[in-house]
Amino acid sequence: VVRLFTPDAHLTWLLVSLDPADDDTAYGLIDLGLGMPELGTVKLSDLASIVGPRKQPVMRDRYFQAARPLSEYVRLAQENGGIVD
């Protein structure tokens, strides 16, 4: 599991797989900060163009280590309205 986030906004992705057909489509838990996290796909090339209000890009959390399976992150995120680390 890889955690991507925007340091100056409330956007977070927990990505678990990459489509080998294009190496650009990732699957995981997506939290756009709207209180409705969901499983889905995202293009890594699209993430590269996202910046927060202070112009900070999407970053990988190099210190994140998954402590539970994705299904548990999904359950907790849906209960709490966002990804809980």
C-alpha atoms as a PDB file:
ATOM      1  CA  VAL A   1       0.000   0.000   0.000  1.00  0.00           C
ATOM      2  CA  VAL A   2       1.321   3.423  -0.979  1.00  0.00           C
ATOM      3  CA  ARG A   3      -0.065   6.587   0.608  1.00  0.00           C
ATOM      4  CA  LEU A   4      -0.130   9.716  -1.550  1.00  0.00           C
ATOM      5  CA  PHE A   5      -1.362  13.055  -0.228  1.00  0.00           C
ATOM      6  CA  THR A   6      -1.371  16.792  -0.745  1.00  0.00           C
ATOM      7  CA  PRO A   7       0.465  18.478   2.138  1.00  0.00           C
ATOM      8  CA  ASP A   8      -1.593  21.660   1.874  1.00  0.00           C
ATOM      9  CA  ALA A   9      -5.019  20.186   1.096  1.00  0.00           C
ATOM     10  CA  HIS A  10      -7.114  17.288   2.338  1.00  0.00           C
ATOM     11  CA  LEU A  11      -6.582  14.837  -0.529  1.00  0.00           C
ATOM     12  CA  THR A  12      -5.318  11.320   0.197  1.00  0.00           C
ATOM     13  CA  TRP A  13      -4.949   8.121  -1.800  1.00  0.00           C
ATOM     14  CA  LEU A  14      -4.103   4.654  -0.499  1.00  0.00           C
ATOM     15  CA  LEU A  15      -3.096   2.790  -3.631  1.00  0.00           C
ATOM     16  CA  VAL A  16      -2.682  -0.975  -3.752  1.00  0.00           C
ATOM     17  CA  SER A  17      -2.219  -1.949  -7.392  1.00  0.00           C
ATOM     18  CA  LEU A  18      -1.107  -0.640 -10.762  1.00  0.00           C
ATOM     19  CA  ASP A  19      -2.673  -1.736 -14.051  1.00  0.00           C
ATOM     20  CA  PRO A  20       0.089  -3.541 -15.966  1.00  0.00           C
ATOM     21  CA  ALA A  21      -1.599  -2.694 -19.275  1.00  0.00           C
ATOM     22  CA  ASP A  22      -0.700   0.995 -19.005  1.00  0.00           C
ATOM     23  CA  ASP A  23       1.376   1.470 -15.805  1.00  0.00           C
ATOM     24  CA  ASP A  24      -0.630   4.662 -15.237  1.00  0.00           C
ATOM     25  CA  THR A  25      -3.899   3.478 -13.687  1.00  0.00           C
ATOM     26  CA  ALA A  26      -3.782   2.748  -9.966  1.00  0.00           C
ATOM     27  CA  TYR A  27      -6.501   1.226  -7.780  1.00  0.00           C
ATOM     28  CA  GLY A  28      -7.175   1.979  -4.150  1.00  0.00           C
ATOM     29  CA  LEU A  29      -8.995   4.096  -1.613  1.00  0.00           C
ATOM     30  CA  ILE A  30      -9.548   7.671  -2.742  1.00  0.00           C
ATOM     31  CA  ASP A  31     -10.336  10.494  -0.298  1.00  0.00           C
ATOM     32  CA  LEU A  32     -10.921  13.860  -1.946  1.00  0.00           C
ATOM     33  CA  GLY A  33     -11.671  15.558   1.372  1.00  0.00           C
ATOM     34  CA  LEU A  34     -15.428  15.705   0.773  1.00  0.00           C
ATOM     35  CA  GLY A  35     -16.407  13.183   3.449  1.00  0.00           C
ATOM     36  CA  MET A  36     -17.106  10.416   0.935  1.00  0.00           C
ATOM     37  CA  PRO A  37     -14.000   8.230   0.531  1.00  0.00           C
ATOM     38  CA  GLU A  38     -14.410   5.412  -1.979  1.00  0.00           C
ATOM     39  CA  LEU A  39     -12.603   2.654  -3.817  1.00  0.00           C
ATOM     40  CA  GLY A  40     -11.716   3.487  -7.384  1.00  0.00           C
ATOM     41  CA  THR A  41      -9.047   4.108  -9.962  1.00  0.00           C
ATOM     42  CA  VAL A  42      -6.897   7.131 -10.620  1.00  0.00           C
ATOM     43  CA  LYS A  43      -4.374   7.986 -13.320  1.00  0.00           C
ATOM     44  CA  LEU A  44      -0.939   8.688 -11.898  1.00  0.00           C
ATOM     45  CA  SER A  45      -0.433  11.197 -14.706  1.00  0.00           C
ATOM     46  CA  ASP A  46      -3.494  13.089 -13.400  1.00  0.00           C
ATOM     47  CA  LEU A  47      -2.095  13.113  -9.869  1.00  0.00           C
ATOM     48  CA  ALA A  48       1.096  14.681 -11.205  1.00  0.00           C
ATOM     49  CA  SER A  49      -0.892  17.757 -12.257  1.00  0.00           C
ATOM     50  CA  ILE A  50      -2.666  18.316  -8.910  1.00  0.00           C
ATOM     51  CA  VAL A  51      -1.413  21.043  -6.599  1.00  0.00           C
ATOM     52  CA  GLY A  52      -2.881  22.369  -3.378  1.00  0.00           C
ATOM     53  CA  PRO A  53      -3.704  25.986  -2.529  1.00  0.00           C
ATOM     54  CA  ARG A  54      -0.050  26.724  -1.715  1.00  0.00           C
ATOM     55  CA  LYS A  55       1.071  25.072  -4.973  1.00  0.00           C
ATOM     56  CA  GLN A  56       2.406  21.949  -3.267  1.00  0.00           C
ATOM     57  CA  PRO A  57       2.140  18.801  -5.410  1.00  0.00           C
ATOM     58  CA  VAL A  58       0.890  15.346  -4.521  1.00  0.00           C
ATOM     59  CA  MET A  59       3.580  13.576  -2.526  1.00  0.00           C
ATOM     60  CA  ARG A  60       4.284  10.032  -1.440  1.00  0.00           C
ATOM     61  CA  ASP A  61       4.319   9.464   2.310  1.00  0.00           C
ATOM     62  CA  ARG A  62       7.673   7.699   2.589  1.00  0.00           C
ATOM     63  CA  TYR A  63       7.054   6.881   6.256  1.00  0.00           C
ATOM     64  CA  PHE A  64       3.619   5.286   5.832  1.00  0.00           C
ATOM     65  CA  GLN A  65       3.431   1.589   6.604  1.00  0.00           C
ATOM     66  CA  ALA A  66       0.049  -0.066   6.214  1.00  0.00           C
ATOM     67  CA  ALA A  67      -1.103  -1.378   9.575  1.00  0.00           C
ATOM     68  CA  ARG A  68      -4.232  -3.094   8.248  1.00  0.00           C
ATOM     69  CA  PRO A  69      -5.664  -4.507   5.024  1.00  0.00           C
ATOM     70  CA  LEU A  70      -7.249  -2.134   2.512  1.00  0.00           C
ATOM     71  CA  SER A  71     -10.721  -3.430   3.430  1.00  0.00           C
ATOM     72  CA  GLU A  72     -10.212  -2.182   6.986  1.00  0.00           C
ATOM     73  CA  TYR A  73      -9.024   1.234   5.782  1.00  0.00           C
ATOM     74  CA  VAL A  74     -12.173   1.402   3.627  1.00  0.00           C
ATOM     75  CA  ARG A  75     -14.451   0.526   6.544  1.00  0.00           C
ATOM     76  CA  LEU A  76     -12.815   3.057   8.858  1.00  0.00           C
ATOM     77  CA  ALA A  77     -12.778   5.769   6.182  1.00  0.00           C
ATOM     78  CA  GLN A  78     -16.485   5.299   5.468  1.00  0.00           C
ATOM     79  CA  GLU A  79     -17.297   5.407   9.188  1.00  0.00           C
ATOM     80  CA  ASN A  80     -15.176   8.525   9.762  1.00  0.00           C
ATOM     81  CA  GLY A  81     -15.743  10.399   6.505  1.00  0.00           C
ATOM     82  CA  GLY A  82     -12.075  10.216   5.566  1.00  0.00           C
ATOM     83  CA  ILE A  83      -8.974   8.072   5.631  1.00  0.00           C
ATOM     84  CA  VAL A  84      -7.798   7.346   9.152  1.00  0.00           C
ATOM     85  CA  ASP A  85      -4.066   6.633   9.440  1.00  0.00           C
END
